[in-house]
PDB file of N, CA and C in Angstrom:
ATOM      1  N   UNK A   1      17.876   4.043  -9.623  1.00  0.00           N
ATOM      2  CA  UNK A   1      19.029   3.408  -9.874  1.00  0.00           C
ATOM      3  C   UNK A   1      19.147   2.080  -9.071  1.00  0.00           C
ATOM      4  N   UNK A   2      19.402   0.972  -9.734  1.00  0.00           N
ATOM      5  CA  UNK A   2      19.561  -0.286  -8.963  1.00  0.00           C
ATOM      6  C   UNK A   2      20.788  -0.252  -8.178  1.00  0.00           C
ATOM      7  N   UNK A   3      20.775  -0.770  -6.906  1.00  0.00           N
ATOM      8  CA  UNK A   3      21.922  -0.815  -6.092  1.00  0.00           C
ATOM      9  C   UNK A   3      22.036  -2.288  -5.662  1.00  0.00           C
ATOM     10  N   UNK A   4      23.319  -2.685  -5.699  1.00  0.00           N
ATOM     11  CA  UNK A   4      23.647  -4.163  -5.345  1.00  0.00           C
ATOM     12  C   UNK A   4      23.231  -4.454  -3.985  1.00  0.00           C
ATOM     13  N   UNK A   5      22.459  -5.502  -3.892  1.00  0.00           N
ATOM     14  CA  UNK A   5      21.966  -6.129  -2.568  1.00  0.00           C
ATOM     15  C   UNK A   5      21.158  -5.175  -1.735  1.00  0.00           C
ATOM     16  N   UNK A   6      20.382  -4.206  -2.398  1.00  0.00           N
ATOM     17  CA  UNK A   6      19.427  -3.416  -1.683  1.00  0.00           C
ATOM     18  C   UNK A   6      18.042  -3.780  -2.195  1.00  0.00           C
ATOM     19  N   UNK A   7      17.081  -3.466  -1.370  1.00  0.00           N
ATOM     20  CA  UNK A   7      15.615  -3.736  -1.739  1.00  0.00           C
ATOM     21  C   UNK A   7      15.331  -2.974  -2.984  1.00  0.00           C
ATOM     22  N   UNK A   8      14.754  -3.668  -3.988  1.00  0.00           N
ATOM     23  CA  UNK A   8      14.597  -2.963  -5.301  1.00  0.00           C
ATOM     24  C   UNK A   8      13.198  -2.894  -5.717  1.00  0.00           C
ATOM     25  N   UNK A   9      12.339  -3.859  -5.247  1.00  0.00           N
ATOM     26  CA  UNK A   9      10.992  -3.931  -5.848  1.00  0.00           C
ATOM     27  C   UNK A   9      10.093  -4.786  -4.838  1.00  0.00           C
ATOM     28  N   UNK A  10       8.779  -4.567  -4.848  1.00  0.00           N
ATOM     29  CA  UNK A  10       7.857  -5.292  -4.042  1.00  0.00           C
ATOM     30  C   UNK A  10       6.682  -5.642  -4.853  1.00  0.00           C
ATOM     31  N   UNK A  11       6.075  -6.758  -4.533  1.00  0.00           N
ATOM     32  CA  UNK A  11       4.926  -7.232  -5.286  1.00  0.00           C
ATOM     33  C   UNK A  11       3.782  -7.543  -4.224  1.00  0.00           C
ATOM     34  N   UNK A  12       2.532  -7.258  -4.630  1.00  0.00           N
ATOM     35  CA  UNK A  12       1.306  -7.582  -3.836  1.00  0.00           C
ATOM     36  C   UNK A  12       0.382  -8.368  -4.625  1.00  0.00           C
ATOM     37  N   UNK A  13      -0.345  -9.234  -4.001  1.00  0.00           N
ATOM     38  CA  UNK A  13      -1.426  -9.963  -4.702  1.00  0.00           C
ATOM     39  C   UNK A  13      -2.659  -9.018  -4.839  1.00  0.00           C
ATOM     40  N   UNK A  14      -3.480  -9.233  -5.801  1.00  0.00           N
ATOM     41  CA  UNK A  14      -4.680  -8.469  -5.932  1.00  0.00           C
ATOM     42  C   UNK A  14      -5.669  -9.339  -6.697  1.00  0.00           C
ATOM     43  N   UNK A  15      -6.955  -9.463  -6.161  1.00  0.00           N
ATOM     44  CA  UNK A  15      -7.965 -10.133  -6.842  1.00  0.00           C
ATOM     45  C   UNK A  15      -8.520  -9.260  -8.011  1.00  0.00           C
ATOM     46  N   UNK A  16      -8.441  -7.979  -7.890  1.00  0.00           N
ATOM     47  CA  UNK A  16      -8.979  -7.089  -8.876  1.00  0.00           C
ATOM     48  C   UNK A  16      -7.923  -5.966  -9.153  1.00  0.00           C
ATOM     49  N   UNK A  17      -7.180  -6.140 -10.238  1.00  0.00           N
ATOM     50  CA  UNK A  17      -6.148  -5.109 -10.574  1.00  0.00           C
ATOM     51  C   UNK A  17      -6.663  -3.779 -10.844  1.00  0.00           C
ATOM     52  N   UNK A  18      -7.789  -3.644 -11.464  1.00  0.00           N
ATOM     53  CA  UNK A  18      -8.349  -2.327 -11.794  1.00  0.00           C
ATOM     54  C   UNK A  18      -8.666  -1.621 -10.474  1.00  0.00           C
ATOM     55  N   UNK A  19      -9.207  -2.277  -9.467  1.00  0.00           N
ATOM     56  CA  UNK A  19      -9.464  -1.795  -8.231  1.00  0.00           C
ATOM     57  C   UNK A  19      -8.231  -1.267  -7.544  1.00  0.00           C
ATOM     58  N   UNK A  20      -7.186  -2.150  -7.634  1.00  0.00           N
ATOM     59  CA  UNK A  20      -5.841  -1.699  -6.990  1.00  0.00           C
ATOM     60  C   UNK A  20      -5.374  -0.439  -7.692  1.00  0.00           C
ATOM     61  N   UNK A  21      -5.422  -0.352  -9.047  1.00  0.00           N
ATOM     62  CA  UNK A  21      -4.962   0.841  -9.730  1.00  0.00           C
ATOM     63  C   UNK A  21      -5.783   2.076  -9.235  1.00  0.00           C
ATOM     64  N   UNK A  22      -7.052   1.964  -9.162  1.00  0.00           N
ATOM     65  CA  UNK A  22      -7.922   3.155  -8.842  1.00  0.00           C
ATOM     66  C   UNK A  22      -7.605   3.555  -7.395  1.00  0.00           C
ATOM     67  N   UNK A  23      -7.572   2.678  -6.464  1.00  0.00           N
ATOM     68  CA  UNK A  23      -7.350   2.990  -5.101  1.00  0.00           C
ATOM     69  C   UNK A  23      -5.982   3.667  -4.879  1.00  0.00           C
ATOM     70  N   UNK A  24      -4.888   3.053  -5.325  1.00  0.00           N
ATOM     71  CA  UNK A  24      -3.542   3.614  -5.081  1.00  0.00           C
ATOM     72  C   UNK A  24      -3.253   4.817  -5.893  1.00  0.00           C
ATOM     73  N   UNK A  25      -3.828   5.037  -7.049  1.00  0.00           N
ATOM     74  CA  UNK A  25      -3.711   6.180  -7.737  1.00  0.00           C
ATOM     75  C   UNK A  25      -4.460   7.338  -7.070  1.00  0.00           C
ATOM     76  N   UNK A  26      -5.668   7.157  -6.700  1.00  0.00           N
ATOM     77  CA  UNK A  26      -6.466   8.097  -6.082  1.00  0.00           C
ATOM     78  C   UNK A  26      -5.940   8.552  -4.675  1.00  0.00           C
ATOM     79  N   UNK A  27      -5.614   7.552  -3.826  1.00  0.00           N
ATOM     80  CA  UNK A  27      -5.169   7.846  -2.531  1.00  0.00           C
ATOM     81  C   UNK A  27      -3.729   8.407  -2.412  1.00  0.00           C
ATOM     82  N   UNK A  28      -2.802   7.668  -3.149  1.00  0.00           N
ATOM     83  CA  UNK A  28      -1.361   7.890  -3.083  1.00  0.00           C
ATOM     84  C   UNK A  28      -0.713   8.548  -4.237  1.00  0.00           C
ATOM     85  N   UNK A  29      -1.409   8.704  -5.356  1.00  0.00           N
ATOM     86  CA  UNK A  29      -0.894   9.178  -6.665  1.00  0.00           C
ATOM     87  C   UNK A  29       0.190   8.272  -7.140  1.00  0.00           C
ATOM     88  N   UNK A  30       0.031   6.965  -7.035  1.00  0.00           N
ATOM     89  CA  UNK A  30       1.000   6.028  -7.693  1.00  0.00           C
ATOM     90  C   UNK A  30       0.577   5.946  -9.120  1.00  0.00           C
ATOM     91  N   UNK A  31       1.618   5.644 -10.009  1.00  0.00           N
ATOM     92  CA  UNK A  31       1.431   5.593 -11.445  1.00  0.00           C
ATOM     93  C   UNK A  31       1.516   4.102 -11.868  1.00  0.00           C
ATOM     94  N   UNK A  32       0.717   3.713 -12.812  1.00  0.00           N
ATOM     95  CA  UNK A  32       0.664   2.224 -13.163  1.00  0.00           C
ATOM     96  C   UNK A  32       0.862   2.087 -14.672  1.00  0.00           C
ATOM     97  N   UNK A  33       1.487   0.892 -14.918  1.00  0.00           N
ATOM     98  CA  UNK A  33       1.625   0.396 -16.361  1.00  0.00           C
ATOM     99  C   UNK A  33       1.092  -0.995 -16.362  1.00  0.00           C
ATOM    100  N   UNK A  34       0.188  -1.378 -17.297  1.00  0.00           N
ATOM    101  CA  UNK A  34      -0.390  -2.699 -17.407  1.00  0.00           C
ATOM    102  C   UNK A  34       0.533  -3.546 -18.213  1.00  0.00           C
ATOM    103  N   UNK A  35       0.655  -4.824 -17.815  1.00  0.00           N
ATOM    104  CA  UNK A  35       1.506  -5.835 -18.476  1.00  0.00           C
ATOM    105  C   UNK A  35       0.532  -7.075 -18.689  1.00  0.00           C
ATOM    106  N   UNK A  36      -0.317  -6.945 -19.467  1.00  0.00           N
ATOM    107  CA  UNK A  36      -1.370  -8.046 -19.722  1.00  0.00           C
ATOM    108  C   UNK A  36      -2.450  -8.018 -18.591  1.00  0.00           C
ATOM    109  N   UNK A  37      -3.289  -9.051 -18.684  1.00  0.00           N
ATOM    110  CA  UNK A  37      -4.518  -9.043 -17.780  1.00  0.00           C
ATOM    111  C   UNK A  37      -4.129  -9.535 -16.375  1.00  0.00           C
ATOM    112  N   UNK A  38      -2.905  -9.953 -16.079  1.00  0.00           N
ATOM    113  CA  UNK A  38      -2.594 -10.500 -14.747  1.00  0.00           C
ATOM    114  C   UNK A  38      -1.483  -9.770 -14.028  1.00  0.00           C
ATOM    115  N   UNK A  39      -1.031  -8.696 -14.517  1.00  0.00           N
ATOM    116  CA  UNK A  39       0.101  -8.038 -13.845  1.00  0.00           C
ATOM    117  C   UNK A  39       0.126  -6.580 -14.201  1.00  0.00           C
ATOM    118  N   UNK A  40       0.328  -5.716 -13.110  1.00  0.00           N
ATOM    119  CA  UNK A  40       0.511  -4.267 -13.295  1.00  0.00           C
ATOM    120  C   UNK A  40       1.755  -3.823 -12.502  1.00  0.00           C
ATOM    121  N   UNK A  41       2.428  -2.847 -12.947  1.00  0.00           N
ATOM    122  CA  UNK A  41       3.562  -2.281 -12.216  1.00  0.00           C
ATOM    123  C   UNK A  41       3.181  -0.911 -11.681  1.00  0.00           C
ATOM    124  N   UNK A  42       3.835  -0.437 -10.614  1.00  0.00           N
ATOM    125  CA  UNK A  42       3.611   0.909 -10.115  1.00  0.00           C
ATOM    126  C   UNK A  42       4.962   1.613  -9.882  1.00  0.00           C
ATOM    127  N   UNK A  43       4.874   2.936 -10.145  1.00  0.00           N
ATOM    128  CA  UNK A  43       6.005   3.757  -9.767  1.00  0.00           C
ATOM    129  C   UNK A  43       5.493   4.962  -8.988  1.00  0.00           C
ATOM    130  N   UNK A  44       6.428   5.902  -8.685  1.00  0.00           N
ATOM    131  CA  UNK A  44       5.960   7.105  -7.925  1.00  0.00           C
ATOM    132  C   UNK A  44       5.505   6.758  -6.614  1.00  0.00           C
ATOM    133  N   UNK A  45       6.056   5.659  -5.943  1.00  0.00           N
ATOM    134  CA  UNK A  45       5.611   5.230  -4.627  1.00  0.00           C
ATOM    135  C   UNK A  45       6.685   5.270  -3.658  1.00  0.00           C
ATOM    136  N   UNK A  46       7.920   5.709  -4.005  1.00  0.00           N
ATOM    137  CA  UNK A  46       8.998   5.639  -3.138  1.00  0.00           C
ATOM    138  C   UNK A  46       9.861   4.368  -3.415  1.00  0.00           C
ATOM    139  N   UNK A  47       9.269   3.288  -3.809  1.00  0.00           N
ATOM    140  CA  UNK A  47       9.820   2.054  -4.228  1.00  0.00           C
ATOM    141  C   UNK A  47       8.965   1.470  -5.313  1.00  0.00           C
ATOM    142  N   UNK A  48       9.575   0.982  -6.375  1.00  0.00           N
ATOM    143  CA  UNK A  48       8.776   0.388  -7.458  1.00  0.00           C
ATOM    144  C   UNK A  48       8.258  -0.968  -7.102  1.00  0.00           C
ATOM    145  N   UNK A  49       7.177  -1.320  -7.811  1.00  0.00           N
ATOM    146  CA  UNK A  49       6.633  -2.625  -7.448  1.00  0.00           C
ATOM    147  C   UNK A  49       5.526  -3.022  -8.449  1.00  0.00           C
ATOM    148  N   UNK A  50       4.764  -4.018  -8.060  1.00  0.00           N
ATOM    149  CA  UNK A  50       3.642  -4.511  -8.918  1.00  0.00           C
ATOM    150  C   UNK A  50       2.555  -5.209  -8.118  1.00  0.00           C
ATOM    151  N   UNK A  51       1.503  -5.473  -8.942  1.00  0.00           N
ATOM    152  CA  UNK A  51       0.403  -6.264  -8.353  1.00  0.00           C
ATOM    153  C   UNK A  51       0.232  -7.432  -9.286  1.00  0.00           C
ATOM    154  N   UNK A  52       0.104  -8.687  -8.795  1.00  0.00           N
ATOM    155  CA  UNK A  52      -0.160  -9.802  -9.619  1.00  0.00           C
ATOM    156  C   UNK A  52      -1.573 -10.342  -9.249  1.00  0.00           C
ATOM    157  N   UNK A  53      -2.227 -10.820 -10.263  1.00  0.00           N
ATOM    158  CA  UNK A  53      -3.605 -11.377 -10.064  1.00  0.00           C
ATOM    159  C   UNK A  53      -3.576 -12.646  -9.224  1.00  0.00           C
ATOM    160  N   UNK A  54      -4.260 -12.562  -8.086  1.00  0.00           N
ATOM    161  CA  UNK A  54      -4.298 -13.719  -7.130  1.00  0.00           C
ATOM    162  C   UNK A  54      -5.423 -13.607  -6.154  1.00  0.00           C
ATOM    163  N   UNK A  55      -5.878 -14.737  -5.631  1.00  0.00           N
ATOM    164  CA  UNK A  55      -6.958 -14.674  -4.690  1.00  0.00           C
ATOM    165  C   UNK A  55      -6.384 -14.465  -3.247  1.00  0.00           C
ATOM    166  N   UNK A  56      -5.012 -14.373  -3.114  1.00  0.00           N
ATOM    167  CA  UNK A  56      -4.317 -14.190  -1.896  1.00  0.00           C
ATOM    168  C   UNK A  56      -4.353 -12.721  -1.341  1.00  0.00           C
ATOM    169  N   UNK A  57      -4.030 -12.568  -0.068  1.00  0.00           N
ATOM    170  CA  UNK A  57      -3.876 -11.238   0.465  1.00  0.00           C
ATOM    171  C   UNK A  57      -2.580 -11.228   1.329  1.00  0.00           C
ATOM    172  N   UNK A  58      -2.057 -10.036   1.530  1.00  0.00           N
ATOM    173  CA  UNK A  58      -0.878  -9.851   2.319  1.00  0.00           C
ATOM    174  C   UNK A  58      -1.217  -9.228   3.666  1.00  0.00           C
ATOM    175  N   UNK A  59      -1.010  -9.924   4.750  1.00  0.00           N
ATOM    176  CA  UNK A  59      -1.321  -9.359   6.126  1.00  0.00           C
ATOM    177  C   UNK A  59      -0.331  -9.819   7.072  1.00  0.00           C
ATOM    178  N   UNK A  60      -0.107  -9.030   8.097  1.00  0.00           N
ATOM    179  CA  UNK A  60       0.903  -9.416   9.198  1.00  0.00           C
ATOM    180  C   UNK A  60       0.364 -10.559  10.015  1.00  0.00           C
ATOM    181  N   UNK A  61      -0.948 -10.715  10.035  1.00  0.00           N
ATOM    182  CA  UNK A  61      -1.553 -11.846  10.724  1.00  0.00           C
ATOM    183  C   UNK A  61      -1.150 -13.162  10.096  1.00  0.00           C
ATOM    184  N   UNK A  62      -0.824 -13.135   8.753  1.00  0.00           N
ATOM    185  CA  UNK A  62      -0.362 -14.378   8.081  1.00  0.00           C
ATOM    186  C   UNK A  62       1.166 -14.393   7.922  1.00  0.00           C
ATOM    187  N   UNK A  63       1.820 -13.429   8.595  1.00  0.00           N
ATOM    188  CA  UNK A  63       3.262 -13.444   8.646  1.00  0.00           C
ATOM    189  C   UNK A  63       3.956 -12.674   7.525  1.00  0.00           C
ATOM    190  N   UNK A  64       3.215 -11.849   6.830  1.00  0.00           N
ATOM    191  CA  UNK A  64       3.878 -11.056   5.709  1.00  0.00           C
ATOM    192  C   UNK A  64       4.542  -9.877   6.287  1.00  0.00           C
ATOM    193  N   UNK A  65       5.509  -9.301   5.514  1.00  0.00           N
ATOM    194  CA  UNK A  65       6.114  -8.036   5.818  1.00  0.00           C
ATOM    195  C   UNK A  65       5.075  -6.979   5.779  1.00  0.00           C
ATOM    196  N   UNK A  66       5.323  -5.877   6.546  1.00  0.00           N
ATOM    197  CA  UNK A  66       4.383  -4.786   6.518  1.00  0.00           C
ATOM    198  C   UNK A  66       4.964  -3.600   5.729  1.00  0.00           C
ATOM    199  N   UNK A  67       4.362  -3.063   4.753  1.00  0.00           N
ATOM    200  CA  UNK A  67       4.878  -1.981   3.930  1.00  0.00           C
ATOM    201  C   UNK A  67       4.234  -0.740   4.699  1.00  0.00           C
ATOM    202  N   UNK A  68       5.071   0.257   4.946  1.00  0.00           N
ATOM    203  CA  UNK A  68       4.675   1.371   5.779  1.00  0.00           C
ATOM    204  C   UNK A  68       4.918   2.610   4.798  1.00  0.00           C
ATOM    205  N   UNK A  69       3.907   3.452   4.747  1.00  0.00           N
ATOM    206  CA  UNK A  69       3.895   4.675   3.908  1.00  0.00           C
ATOM    207  C   UNK A  69       3.950   5.851   4.710  1.00  0.00           C
ATOM    208  N   UNK A  70       4.773   6.834   4.411  1.00  0.00           N
ATOM    209  CA  UNK A  70       4.906   8.083   5.154  1.00  0.00           C
ATOM    210  C   UNK A  70       3.806   9.123   4.703  1.00  0.00           C
ATOM    211  N   UNK A  71       3.290   9.882   5.635  1.00  0.00           N
ATOM    212  CA  UNK A  71       2.298  10.879   5.337  1.00  0.00           C
ATOM    213  C   UNK A  71       2.682  12.203   6.133  1.00  0.00           C
ATOM    214  N   UNK A  72       2.614  13.319   5.525  1.00  0.00           N
ATOM    215  CA  UNK A  72       2.753  14.604   6.360  1.00  0.00           C
ATOM    216  C   UNK A  72       1.487  14.917   7.024  1.00  0.00           C
ATOM    217  N   UNK A  73       0.389  14.324   6.676  1.00  0.00           N
ATOM    218  CA  UNK A  73      -0.925  14.613   7.361  1.00  0.00           C
ATOM    219  C   UNK A  73      -1.727  13.291   7.549  1.00  0.00           C
ATOM    220  N   UNK A  74      -1.495  12.668   8.691  1.00  0.00           N
ATOM    221  CA  UNK A  74      -2.020  11.317   8.908  1.00  0.00           C
ATOM    222  C   UNK A  74      -3.579  11.275   8.795  1.00  0.00           C
ATOM    223  N   UNK A  75      -4.271  12.331   9.345  1.00  0.00           N
ATOM    224  CA  UNK A  75      -5.664  12.300   9.351  1.00  0.00           C
ATOM    225  C   UNK A  75      -6.236  12.511   7.858  1.00  0.00           C
ATOM    226  N   UNK A  76      -5.600  13.309   6.983  1.00  0.00           N
ATOM    227  CA  UNK A  76      -6.023  13.522   5.707  1.00  0.00           C
ATOM    228  C   UNK A  76      -5.854  12.206   4.918  1.00  0.00           C
ATOM    229  N   UNK A  77      -4.693  11.511   5.116  1.00  0.00           N
ATOM    230  CA  UNK A  77      -4.450  10.286   4.449  1.00  0.00           C
ATOM    231  C   UNK A  77      -5.475   9.271   4.849  1.00  0.00           C
ATOM    232  N   UNK A  78      -5.752   9.104   6.152  1.00  0.00           N
ATOM    233  CA  UNK A  78      -6.722   8.193   6.639  1.00  0.00           C
ATOM    234  C   UNK A  78      -8.084   8.410   5.992  1.00  0.00           C
ATOM    235  N   UNK A  79      -8.494   9.740   5.876  1.00  0.00           N
ATOM    236  CA  UNK A  79      -9.757  10.113   5.230  1.00  0.00           C
ATOM    237  C   UNK A  79      -9.813   9.683   3.783  1.00  0.00           C
ATOM    238  N   UNK A  80      -8.742   9.789   3.023  1.00  0.00           N
ATOM    239  CA  UNK A  80      -8.759   9.399   1.667  1.00  0.00           C
ATOM    240  C   UNK A  80      -8.848   7.946   1.482  1.00  0.00           C
ATOM    241  N   UNK A  81      -8.141   7.214   2.405  1.00  0.00           N
ATOM    242  CA  UNK A  81      -8.199   5.708   2.328  1.00  0.00           C
ATOM    243  C   UNK A  81      -9.610   5.183   2.561  1.00  0.00           C
ATOM    244  N   UNK A  82     -10.326   5.781   3.649  1.00  0.00           N
ATOM    245  CA  UNK A  82     -11.665   5.463   3.917  1.00  0.00           C
ATOM    246  C   UNK A  82     -12.643   5.832   2.738  1.00  0.00           C
ATOM    247  N   UNK A  83     -12.421   6.964   2.131  1.00  0.00           N
ATOM    248  CA  UNK A  83     -13.272   7.458   1.039  1.00  0.00           C
ATOM    249  C   UNK A  83     -13.189   6.551  -0.215  1.00  0.00           C
ATOM    250  N   UNK A  84     -12.040   5.824  -0.457  1.00  0.00           N
ATOM    251  CA  UNK A  84     -11.817   5.026  -1.583  1.00  0.00           C
ATOM    252  C   UNK A  84     -12.023   3.542  -1.261  1.00  0.00           C
ATOM    253  N   UNK A  85     -12.614   3.160  -0.102  1.00  0.00           N
ATOM    254  CA  UNK A  85     -12.889   1.753   0.116  1.00  0.00           C
ATOM    255  C   UNK A  85     -11.928   1.023   0.962  1.00  0.00           C
ATOM    256  N   UNK A  86     -10.925   1.690   1.457  1.00  0.00           N
ATOM    257  CA  UNK A  86      -9.965   1.069   2.384  1.00  0.00           C
ATOM    258  C   UNK A  86     -10.524   0.917   3.779  1.00  0.00           C
ATOM    259  N   UNK A  87     -10.110   0.031   4.613  1.00  0.00           N
ATOM    260  CA  UNK A  87     -10.613  -0.174   5.951  1.00  0.00           C
ATOM    261  C   UNK A  87      -9.461   0.006   6.882  1.00  0.00           C
ATOM    262  N   UNK A  88      -9.719   0.757   7.965  1.00  0.00           N
ATOM    263  CA  UNK A  88      -8.744   0.911   9.050  1.00  0.00           C
ATOM    264  C   UNK A  88      -8.852  -0.356   9.920  1.00  0.00           C
ATOM    265  N   UNK A  89      -7.755  -1.103   9.999  1.00  0.00           N
ATOM    266  CA  UNK A  89      -7.776  -2.358  10.757  1.00  0.00           C
ATOM    267  C   UNK A  89      -7.048  -2.235  12.064  1.00  0.00           C
ATOM    268  N   UNK A  90      -6.285  -1.233  12.268  1.00  0.00           N
ATOM    269  CA  UNK A  90      -5.614  -0.958  13.511  1.00  0.00           C
ATOM    270  C   UNK A  90      -5.585   0.583  13.618  1.00  0.00           C
ATOM    271  N   UNK A  91      -6.406   1.170  14.569  1.00  0.00           N
ATOM    272  CA  UNK A  91      -6.461   2.626  14.658  1.00  0.00           C
ATOM    273  C   UNK A  91      -5.155   3.285  15.045  1.00  0.00           C
ATOM    274  N   UNK A  92      -5.081   4.532  14.752  1.00  0.00           N
ATOM    275  CA  UNK A  92      -3.876   5.274  15.055  1.00  0.00           C
ATOM    276  C   UNK A  92      -3.329   5.091  16.516  1.00  0.00           C
ATOM    277  N   UNK A  93      -2.020   4.862  16.529  1.00  0.00           N
ATOM    278  CA  UNK A  93      -1.409   4.672  17.853  1.00  0.00           C
ATOM    279  C   UNK A  93      -0.052   5.369  17.831  1.00  0.00           C
ATOM    280  N   UNK A  94       0.415   5.712  19.022  1.00  0.00           N
ATOM    281  CA  UNK A  94       1.744   6.354  19.175  1.00  0.00           C
ATOM    282  C   UNK A  94       2.786   5.327  19.269  1.00  0.00           C
ATOM    283  N   UNK A  95       3.939   5.576  18.775  1.00  0.00           N
ATOM    284  CA  UNK A  95       5.144   4.828  18.972  1.00  0.00           C
ATOM    285  C   UNK A  95       6.352   5.706  19.021  1.00  0.00           C
ATOM    286  N   UNK A  96       7.518   5.273  19.553  1.00  0.00           N
ATOM    287  CA  UNK A  96       8.626   6.161  19.595  1.00  0.00           C
ATOM    288  C   UNK A  96       9.009   6.736  18.174  1.00  0.00           C
ATOM    289  N   UNK A  97       8.840   8.018  18.072  1.00  0.00           N
ATOM    290  CA  UNK A  97       9.117   8.716  16.761  1.00  0.00           C
ATOM    291  C   UNK A  97       7.925   9.116  16.050  1.00  0.00           C
ATOM    292  N   UNK A  98       6.670   8.811  16.417  1.00  0.00           N
ATOM    293  CA  UNK A  98       5.560   9.256  15.706  1.00  0.00           C
ATOM    294  C   UNK A  98       4.318   8.464  15.998  1.00  0.00           C
ATOM    295  N   UNK A  99       3.436   8.411  15.014  1.00  0.00           N
ATOM    296  CA  UNK A  99       2.103   7.803  15.090  1.00  0.00           C
ATOM    297  C   UNK A  99       1.857   7.036  13.767  1.00  0.00           C
ATOM    298  N   UNK A 100       0.962   6.033  13.851  1.00  0.00           N
ATOM    299  CA  UNK A 100       0.650   5.246  12.685  1.00  0.00           C
ATOM    300  C   UNK A 100      -0.692   4.542  12.887  1.00  0.00           C
ATOM    301  N   UNK A 101      -1.270   4.106  11.685  1.00  0.00           N
ATOM    302  CA  UNK A 101      -2.392   3.239  11.635  1.00  0.00           C
ATOM    303  C   UNK A 101      -2.120   2.187  10.611  1.00  0.00           C
ATOM    304  N   UNK A 102      -2.842   1.129  10.668  1.00  0.00           N
ATOM    305  CA  UNK A 102      -2.856   0.053   9.660  1.00  0.00           C
ATOM    306  C   UNK A 102      -4.144   0.014   8.863  1.00  0.00           C
ATOM    307  N   UNK A 103      -4.103  -0.257   7.614  1.00  0.00           N
ATOM    308  CA  UNK A 103      -5.329  -0.257   6.782  1.00  0.00           C
ATOM    309  C   UNK A 103      -5.208  -1.526   5.885  1.00  0.00           C
ATOM    310  N   UNK A 104      -6.358  -1.922   5.373  1.00  0.00           N
ATOM    311  CA  UNK A 104      -6.412  -2.938   4.295  1.00  0.00           C
ATOM    312  C   UNK A 104      -6.895  -2.189   3.060  1.00  0.00           C
ATOM    313  N   UNK A 105      -6.302  -2.440   1.855  1.00  0.00           N
ATOM    314  CA  UNK A 105      -6.788  -1.772   0.683  1.00  0.00           C
ATOM    315  C   UNK A 105      -7.939  -2.627   0.215  1.00  0.00           C
ATOM    316  N   UNK A 106      -8.702  -2.140  -0.840  1.00  0.00           N
ATOM    317  CA  UNK A 106      -9.897  -2.836  -1.220  1.00  0.00           C
ATOM    318  C   UNK A 106      -9.741  -4.344  -1.685  1.00  0.00           C
ATOM    319  N   UNK A 107      -8.538  -4.764  -1.920  1.00  0.00           N
ATOM    320  CA  UNK A 107      -8.124  -6.164  -2.162  1.00  0.00           C
ATOM    321  C   UNK A 107      -7.871  -6.952  -0.957  1.00  0.00           C
ATOM    322  N   UNK A 108      -7.798  -6.325   0.194  1.00  0.00           N
ATOM    323  CA  UNK A 108      -7.501  -6.982   1.404  1.00  0.00           C
ATOM    324  C   UNK A 108      -6.052  -7.040   1.912  1.00  0.00           C
ATOM    325  N   UNK A 109      -5.237  -6.317   1.155  1.00  0.00           N
ATOM    326  CA  UNK A 109      -3.724  -6.303   1.621  1.00  0.00           C
ATOM    327  C   UNK A 109      -3.537  -5.237   2.737  1.00  0.00           C
ATOM    328  N   UNK A 110      -2.807  -5.645   3.729  1.00  0.00           N
ATOM    329  CA  UNK A 110      -2.493  -4.778   4.871  1.00  0.00           C
ATOM    330  C   UNK A 110      -1.319  -3.981   4.665  1.00  0.00           C
ATOM    331  N   UNK A 111      -1.456  -2.597   4.798  1.00  0.00           N
ATOM    332  CA  UNK A 111      -0.326  -1.682   4.771  1.00  0.00           C
ATOM    333  C   UNK A 111      -0.514  -0.809   5.984  1.00  0.00           C
ATOM    334  N   UNK A 112       0.472   0.110   6.240  1.00  0.00           N
ATOM    335  CA  UNK A 112       0.318   1.098   7.285  1.00  0.00           C
ATOM    336  C   UNK A 112       0.845   2.480   6.808  1.00  0.00           C
ATOM    337  N   UNK A 113       0.304   3.480   7.638  1.00  0.00           N
ATOM    338  CA  UNK A 113       0.721   4.834   7.235  1.00  0.00           C
ATOM    339  C   UNK A 113       1.241   5.458   8.569  1.00  0.00           C
ATOM    340  N   UNK A 114       2.423   6.086   8.474  1.00  0.00           N
ATOM    341  CA  UNK A 114       2.909   6.743   9.730  1.00  0.00           C
ATOM    342  C   UNK A 114       3.259   8.247   9.447  1.00  0.00           C
ATOM    343  N   UNK A 115       3.339   9.006  10.608  1.00  0.00           N
ATOM    344  CA  UNK A 115       3.784  10.380  10.463  1.00  0.00           C
ATOM    345  C   UNK A 115       4.531  10.687  11.768  1.00  0.00           C
ATOM    346  N   UNK A 116       5.311  11.758  11.698  1.00  0.00           N
ATOM    347  CA  UNK A 116       6.142  12.141  12.782  1.00  0.00           C
ATOM    348  C   UNK A 116       5.338  12.806  13.933  1.00  0.00           C
ATOM    349  N   UNK A 117       4.224  13.235  13.679  1.00  0.00           N
ATOM    350  CA  UNK A 117       3.422  13.899  14.652  1.00  0.00           C
ATOM    351  C   UNK A 117       1.999  13.451  14.637  1.00  0.00           C
TER     352      UNK A 117
END
């Protein structure tokens, strides 16, 4: 349900939309819908969004916001990310309330995964 003045949607750039679909479906079980050759949407991710065809990447080094995904099993999620071509760019570290790591997807976008333990 859409809520007034609440975050509703997020978009990521992707050089290869098929690679994005494969990675996020396999690792996180996101669901995708194609909207032509330059745009796909995703659901089943906690927040809906999309990927648009572009040579750009999203990273905190360039000042972008960081999308953080929750996991019940941090090590299992890290293993799936690595198995599907993601790169761990900031190893697991502790912070007040849990632990997390940062990764880049196969298109080069930075995201993070956190867990309470």
